[in-house]
PDB file of all heavy atoms in Angstrom:
ATOM      1  N   VAL A   1     -10.466   2.840   9.123  1.00  0.00           N
ATOM      2  CA  VAL A   1     -10.920   1.522   8.970  1.00  0.00           C
ATOM      3  C   VAL A   1      -9.943   0.451   9.333  1.00  0.00           C
ATOM      4  O   VAL A   1     -10.245  -0.797   9.323  1.00  0.00           O
ATOM      5  CB  VAL A   1     -11.443   1.251   7.496  1.00  0.00           C
ATOM      6  CG1 VAL A   1     -12.495   2.307   7.107  1.00  0.00           C
ATOM      7  CG2 VAL A   1     -10.295   1.230   6.499  1.00  0.00           C
ATOM      8  N   LEU A   2      -8.672   0.811   9.613  1.00  0.00           N
ATOM      9  CA  LEU A   2      -7.623  -0.139   9.937  1.00  0.00           C
ATOM     10  C   LEU A   2      -7.004   0.087  11.276  1.00  0.00           C
ATOM     11  O   LEU A   2      -7.100   1.176  11.867  1.00  0.00           O
ATOM     12  CB  LEU A   2      -6.536  -0.033   8.868  1.00  0.00           C
ATOM     13  CG  LEU A   2      -6.882  -0.393   7.383  1.00  0.00           C
ATOM     14  CD1 LEU A   2      -5.714  -0.040   6.472  1.00  0.00           C
ATOM     15  CD2 LEU A   2      -7.298  -1.833   7.257  1.00  0.00           C
ATOM     16  N   GLN A   3      -6.294  -0.936  11.746  1.00  0.00           N
ATOM     17  CA  GLN A   3      -5.465  -0.864  12.914  1.00  0.00           C
ATOM     18  C   GLN A   3      -3.997  -1.048  12.451  1.00  0.00           C
ATOM     19  O   GLN A   3      -3.760  -1.695  11.424  1.00  0.00           O
ATOM     20  CB  GLN A   3      -5.809  -1.980  13.912  1.00  0.00           C
ATOM     21  CG  GLN A   3      -7.167  -1.825  14.535  1.00  0.00           C
ATOM     22  CD  GLN A   3      -7.323  -0.561  15.378  1.00  0.00           C
ATOM     23  OE1 GLN A   3      -6.384  -0.165  16.083  1.00  0.00           O
ATOM     24  NE2 GLN A   3      -8.482   0.042  15.310  1.00  0.00           N
ATOM     25  N   PRO A   4      -3.069  -0.376  13.129  1.00  0.00           N
ATOM     26  CA  PRO A   4      -1.658  -0.586  12.740  1.00  0.00           C
ATOM     27  C   PRO A   4      -1.314  -2.095  12.636  1.00  0.00           C
ATOM     28  O   PRO A   4      -1.681  -2.872  13.469  1.00  0.00           O
ATOM     29  CB  PRO A   4      -0.898   0.106  13.853  1.00  0.00           C
ATOM     30  CG  PRO A   4      -1.804   1.156  14.368  1.00  0.00           C
ATOM     31  CD  PRO A   4      -3.188   0.553  14.253  1.00  0.00           C
ATOM     32  N   GLY A   5      -0.624  -2.358  11.536  1.00  0.00           N
ATOM     33  CA  GLY A   5      -0.235  -3.830  11.323  1.00  0.00           C
ATOM     34  C   GLY A   5      -1.222  -4.623  10.496  1.00  0.00           C
ATOM     35  O   GLY A   5      -0.930  -5.761  10.094  1.00  0.00           O
ATOM     36  N   ASP A   6      -2.437  -4.055  10.267  1.00  0.00           N
ATOM     37  CA  ASP A   6      -3.388  -4.777   9.429  1.00  0.00           C
ATOM     38  C   ASP A   6      -2.889  -4.983   8.034  1.00  0.00           C
ATOM     39  O   ASP A   6      -2.210  -4.088   7.492  1.00  0.00           O
ATOM     40  CB  ASP A   6      -4.752  -4.006   9.391  1.00  0.00           C
ATOM     41  CG  ASP A   6      -5.599  -4.238  10.586  1.00  0.00           C
ATOM     42  OD1 ASP A   6      -5.314  -5.150  11.416  1.00  0.00           O
ATOM     43  OD2 ASP A   6      -6.636  -3.545  10.723  1.00  0.00           O
ATOM     44  N   PRO A   7      -3.214  -6.135   7.436  1.00  0.00           N
ATOM     45  CA  PRO A   7      -2.806  -6.356   6.031  1.00  0.00           C
ATOM     46  C   PRO A   7      -3.655  -5.583   5.042  1.00  0.00           C
ATOM     47  O   PRO A   7      -4.920  -5.502   5.207  1.00  0.00           O
ATOM     48  CB  PRO A   7      -2.959  -7.869   5.882  1.00  0.00           C
ATOM     49  CG  PRO A   7      -4.023  -8.239   6.846  1.00  0.00           C
ATOM     50  CD  PRO A   7      -3.883  -7.322   8.012  1.00  0.00           C
ATOM     51  N   ILE A   8      -3.023  -5.021   4.001  1.00  0.00           N
ATOM     52  CA  ILE A   8      -3.716  -4.320   2.933  1.00  0.00           C
ATOM     53  C   ILE A   8      -3.182  -4.878   1.613  1.00  0.00           C
ATOM     54  O   ILE A   8      -2.102  -5.472   1.546  1.00  0.00           O
ATOM     55  CB  ILE A   8      -3.515  -2.781   2.958  1.00  0.00           C
ATOM     56  CG1 ILE A   8      -2.037  -2.421   2.859  1.00  0.00           C
ATOM     57  CG2 ILE A   8      -4.094  -2.199   4.266  1.00  0.00           C
ATOM     58  CD1 ILE A   8      -1.759  -0.952   2.752  1.00  0.00           C
ATOM     59  N   LEU A   9      -3.959  -4.704   0.569  1.00  0.00           N
ATOM     60  CA  LEU A   9      -3.579  -5.197  -0.776  1.00  0.00           C
ATOM     61  C   LEU A   9      -3.758  -4.080  -1.763  1.00  0.00           C
ATOM     62  O   LEU A   9      -4.889  -3.629  -1.966  1.00  0.00           O
ATOM     63  CB  LEU A   9      -4.417  -6.411  -1.143  1.00  0.00           C
ATOM     64  CG  LEU A   9      -4.157  -7.001  -2.534  1.00  0.00           C
ATOM     65  CD1 LEU A   9      -2.709  -7.505  -2.652  1.00  0.00           C
ATOM     66  CD2 LEU A   9      -5.128  -8.167  -2.847  1.00  0.00           C
ATOM     67  N   GLY A  10      -2.687  -3.591  -2.320  1.00  0.00           N
ATOM     68  CA  GLY A  10      -2.725  -2.495  -3.285  1.00  0.00           C
ATOM     69  C   GLY A  10      -1.994  -2.787  -4.573  1.00  0.00           C
ATOM     70  O   GLY A  10      -1.329  -3.827  -4.699  1.00  0.00           O
ATOM     71  N   PHE A  11      -2.107  -1.907  -5.478  1.00  0.00           N
ATOM     72  CA  PHE A  11      -1.411  -1.996  -6.789  1.00  0.00           C
ATOM     73  C   PHE A  11       0.040  -1.560  -6.665  1.00  0.00           C
ATOM     74  O   PHE A  11       0.323  -0.505  -6.143  1.00  0.00           O
ATOM     75  CB  PHE A  11      -2.167  -1.110  -7.800  1.00  0.00           C
ATOM     76  CG  PHE A  11      -1.743  -1.273  -9.265  1.00  0.00           C
ATOM     77  CD1 PHE A  11      -1.322  -2.464  -9.694  1.00  0.00           C
ATOM     78  CD2 PHE A  11      -1.826  -0.184 -10.088  1.00  0.00           C
ATOM     79  CE1 PHE A  11      -0.959  -2.656 -11.067  1.00  0.00           C
ATOM     80  CE2 PHE A  11      -1.458  -0.338 -11.435  1.00  0.00           C
ATOM     81  CZ  PHE A  11      -1.049  -1.571 -11.917  1.00  0.00           C
ATOM     82  N   ASP A  12       0.941  -2.419  -7.070  1.00  0.00           N
ATOM     83  CA  ASP A  12       2.373  -2.208  -6.937  1.00  0.00           C
ATOM     84  C   ASP A  12       2.824  -0.851  -7.551  1.00  0.00           C
ATOM     85  O   ASP A  12       2.497  -0.580  -8.704  1.00  0.00           O
ATOM     86  CB  ASP A  12       3.167  -3.339  -7.609  1.00  0.00           C
ATOM     87  CG  ASP A  12       4.608  -3.394  -7.188  1.00  0.00           C
ATOM     88  OD1 ASP A  12       5.215  -2.350  -7.066  1.00  0.00           O
ATOM     89  OD2 ASP A  12       5.146  -4.524  -7.047  1.00  0.00           O
ATOM     90  N   LEU A  13       3.524  -0.031  -6.787  1.00  0.00           N
ATOM     91  CA  LEU A  13       3.975   1.219  -7.289  1.00  0.00           C
ATOM     92  C   LEU A  13       4.824   1.117  -8.522  1.00  0.00           C
ATOM     93  O   LEU A  13       4.711   1.920  -9.451  1.00  0.00           O
ATOM     94  CB  LEU A  13       4.839   1.941  -6.158  1.00  0.00           C
ATOM     95  CG  LEU A  13       5.445   3.299  -6.492  1.00  0.00           C
ATOM     96  CD1 LEU A  13       4.411   4.366  -6.842  1.00  0.00           C
ATOM     97  CD2 LEU A  13       6.376   3.786  -5.405  1.00  0.00           C
ATOM     98  N   SER A  14       5.710   0.104  -8.596  1.00  0.00           N
ATOM     99  CA  SER A  14       6.577  -0.037  -9.774  1.00  0.00           C
ATOM    100  C   SER A  14       5.811  -0.514 -10.980  1.00  0.00           C
ATOM    101  O   SER A  14       6.323  -0.457 -12.105  1.00  0.00           O
ATOM    102  CB  SER A  14       7.650  -1.045  -9.414  1.00  0.00           C
ATOM    103  OG  SER A  14       7.151  -2.356  -9.262  1.00  0.00           O
ATOM    104  N   HIS A  15       4.532  -0.885 -10.794  1.00  0.00           N
ATOM    105  CA  HIS A  15       3.704  -1.308 -11.948  1.00  0.00           C
ATOM    106  C   HIS A  15       2.712  -0.226 -12.336  1.00  0.00           C
ATOM    107  O   HIS A  15       1.882  -0.378 -13.250  1.00  0.00           O
ATOM    108  CB  HIS A  15       2.960  -2.608 -11.615  1.00  0.00           C
ATOM    109  CG  HIS A  15       3.846  -3.806 -11.612  1.00  0.00           C
ATOM    110  ND1 HIS A  15       3.378  -5.060 -11.966  1.00  0.00           N
ATOM    111  CD2 HIS A  15       5.145  -3.959 -11.405  1.00  0.00           C
ATOM    112  CE1 HIS A  15       4.366  -5.894 -11.889  1.00  0.00           C
ATOM    113  NE2 HIS A  15       5.456  -5.240 -11.522  1.00  0.00           N
ATOM    114  N   GLY A  16       2.721   0.914 -11.608  1.00  0.00           N
ATOM    115  CA  GLY A  16       1.802   1.996 -11.876  1.00  0.00           C
ATOM    116  C   GLY A  16       0.965   2.425 -10.778  1.00  0.00           C
ATOM    117  O   GLY A  16       0.090   3.255 -10.933  1.00  0.00           O
ATOM    118  N   GLY A  17       1.167   1.862  -9.551  1.00  0.00           N
ATOM    119  CA  GLY A  17       0.309   2.262  -8.401  1.00  0.00           C
ATOM    120  C   GLY A  17       0.714   3.610  -7.827  1.00  0.00           C
ATOM    121  O   GLY A  17       1.317   4.418  -8.511  1.00  0.00           O
ATOM    122  N   HIS A  18       0.323   3.844  -6.566  1.00  0.00           N
ATOM    123  CA  HIS A  18       0.611   5.121  -5.917  1.00  0.00           C
ATOM    124  C   HIS A  18       1.360   4.873  -4.572  1.00  0.00           C
ATOM    125  O   HIS A  18       1.110   3.879  -3.921  1.00  0.00           O
ATOM    126  CB  HIS A  18      -0.686   5.878  -5.661  1.00  0.00           C
ATOM    127  CG  HIS A  18      -0.484   7.295  -5.292  1.00  0.00           C
ATOM    128  ND1 HIS A  18      -0.482   7.703  -3.965  1.00  0.00           N
ATOM    129  CD2 HIS A  18      -0.210   8.434  -5.983  1.00  0.00           C
ATOM    130  CE1 HIS A  18      -0.238   8.982  -3.914  1.00  0.00           C
ATOM    131  NE2 HIS A  18      -0.082   9.432  -5.126  1.00  0.00           N
ATOM    132  N   LEU A  19       2.133   5.874  -4.212  1.00  0.00           N
ATOM    133  CA  LEU A  19       2.895   5.812  -2.954  1.00  0.00           C
ATOM    134  C   LEU A  19       2.000   5.476  -1.774  1.00  0.00           C
ATOM    135  O   LEU A  19       2.378   4.641  -0.890  1.00  0.00           O
ATOM    136  CB  LEU A  19       3.543   7.147  -2.713  1.00  0.00           C
ATOM    137  CG  LEU A  19       4.905   7.448  -3.377  1.00  0.00           C
ATOM    138  CD1 LEU A  19       5.250   8.942  -3.159  1.00  0.00           C
ATOM    139  CD2 LEU A  19       5.984   6.570  -2.806  1.00  0.00           C
ATOM    140  N   SER A  20       0.849   6.024  -1.711  1.00  0.00           N
ATOM    141  CA  SER A  20      -0.036   5.874  -0.537  1.00  0.00           C
ATOM    142  C   SER A  20      -0.833   4.565  -0.558  1.00  0.00           C
ATOM    143  O   SER A  20      -1.754   4.426   0.245  1.00  0.00           O
ATOM    144  CB  SER A  20      -1.016   7.089  -0.400  1.00  0.00           C
ATOM    145  OG  SER A  20      -1.848   7.175  -1.535  1.00  0.00           O
ATOM    146  N   HIS A  21      -0.523   3.649  -1.466  1.00  0.00           N
ATOM    147  CA  HIS A  21      -1.239   2.369  -1.537  1.00  0.00           C
ATOM    148  C   HIS A  21      -0.409   1.251  -0.905  1.00  0.00           C
ATOM    149  O   HIS A  21      -0.595   0.073  -1.199  1.00  0.00           O
ATOM    150  CB  HIS A  21      -1.608   2.044  -2.964  1.00  0.00           C
ATOM    151  CG  HIS A  21      -2.560   3.041  -3.574  1.00  0.00           C
ATOM    152  ND1 HIS A  21      -2.974   2.932  -4.881  1.00  0.00           N
ATOM    153  CD2 HIS A  21      -3.185   4.109  -3.059  1.00  0.00           C
ATOM    154  CE1 HIS A  21      -3.806   3.937  -5.153  1.00  0.00           C
ATOM    155  NE2 HIS A  21      -3.935   4.650  -4.070  1.00  0.00           N
ATOM    156  N   GLY A  22       0.669   1.621  -0.084  1.00  0.00           N
ATOM    157  CA  GLY A  22       1.402   0.572   0.489  1.00  0.00           C
ATOM    158  C   GLY A  22       2.906   0.667   0.297  1.00  0.00           C
ATOM    159  O   GLY A  22       3.651  -0.250   0.706  1.00  0.00           O
ATOM    160  N   SER A  23       3.432   1.702  -0.369  1.00  0.00           N
ATOM    161  CA  SER A  23       4.857   1.770  -0.628  1.00  0.00           C
ATOM    162  C   SER A  23       5.611   1.786   0.717  1.00  0.00           C
ATOM    163  O   SER A  23       5.250   2.419   1.681  1.00  0.00           O
ATOM    164  CB  SER A  23       5.175   3.050  -1.420  1.00  0.00           C
ATOM    165  OG  SER A  23       6.596   3.247  -1.514  1.00  0.00           O
ATOM    166  N   SER A  24       6.758   1.132   0.669  1.00  0.00           N
ATOM    167  CA  SER A  24       7.573   0.999   1.916  1.00  0.00           C
ATOM    168  C   SER A  24       8.113   2.291   2.419  1.00  0.00           C
ATOM    169  O   SER A  24       8.471   2.436   3.573  1.00  0.00           O
ATOM    170  CB  SER A  24       8.725   0.027   1.641  1.00  0.00           C
ATOM    171  OG  SER A  24       9.576   0.503   0.661  1.00  0.00           O
ATOM    172  N   VAL A  25       8.213   3.320   1.510  1.00  0.00           N
ATOM    173  CA  VAL A  25       8.723   4.596   1.967  1.00  0.00           C
ATOM    174  C   VAL A  25       7.607   5.553   2.423  1.00  0.00           C
ATOM    175  O   VAL A  25       7.896   6.663   2.835  1.00  0.00           O
ATOM    176  CB  VAL A  25       9.537   5.285   0.863  1.00  0.00           C
ATOM    177  CG1 VAL A  25      10.767   4.420   0.480  1.00  0.00           C
ATOM    178  CG2 VAL A  25       8.669   5.547  -0.365  1.00  0.00           C
TER     179      VAL A  25
END
């Protein structure tokens, strides 16, 4: 559903989110 570089909005990993929701690593 996305193209590289598209903006996404996820739950912050440090607040309880998941790696695959936008973590920089």
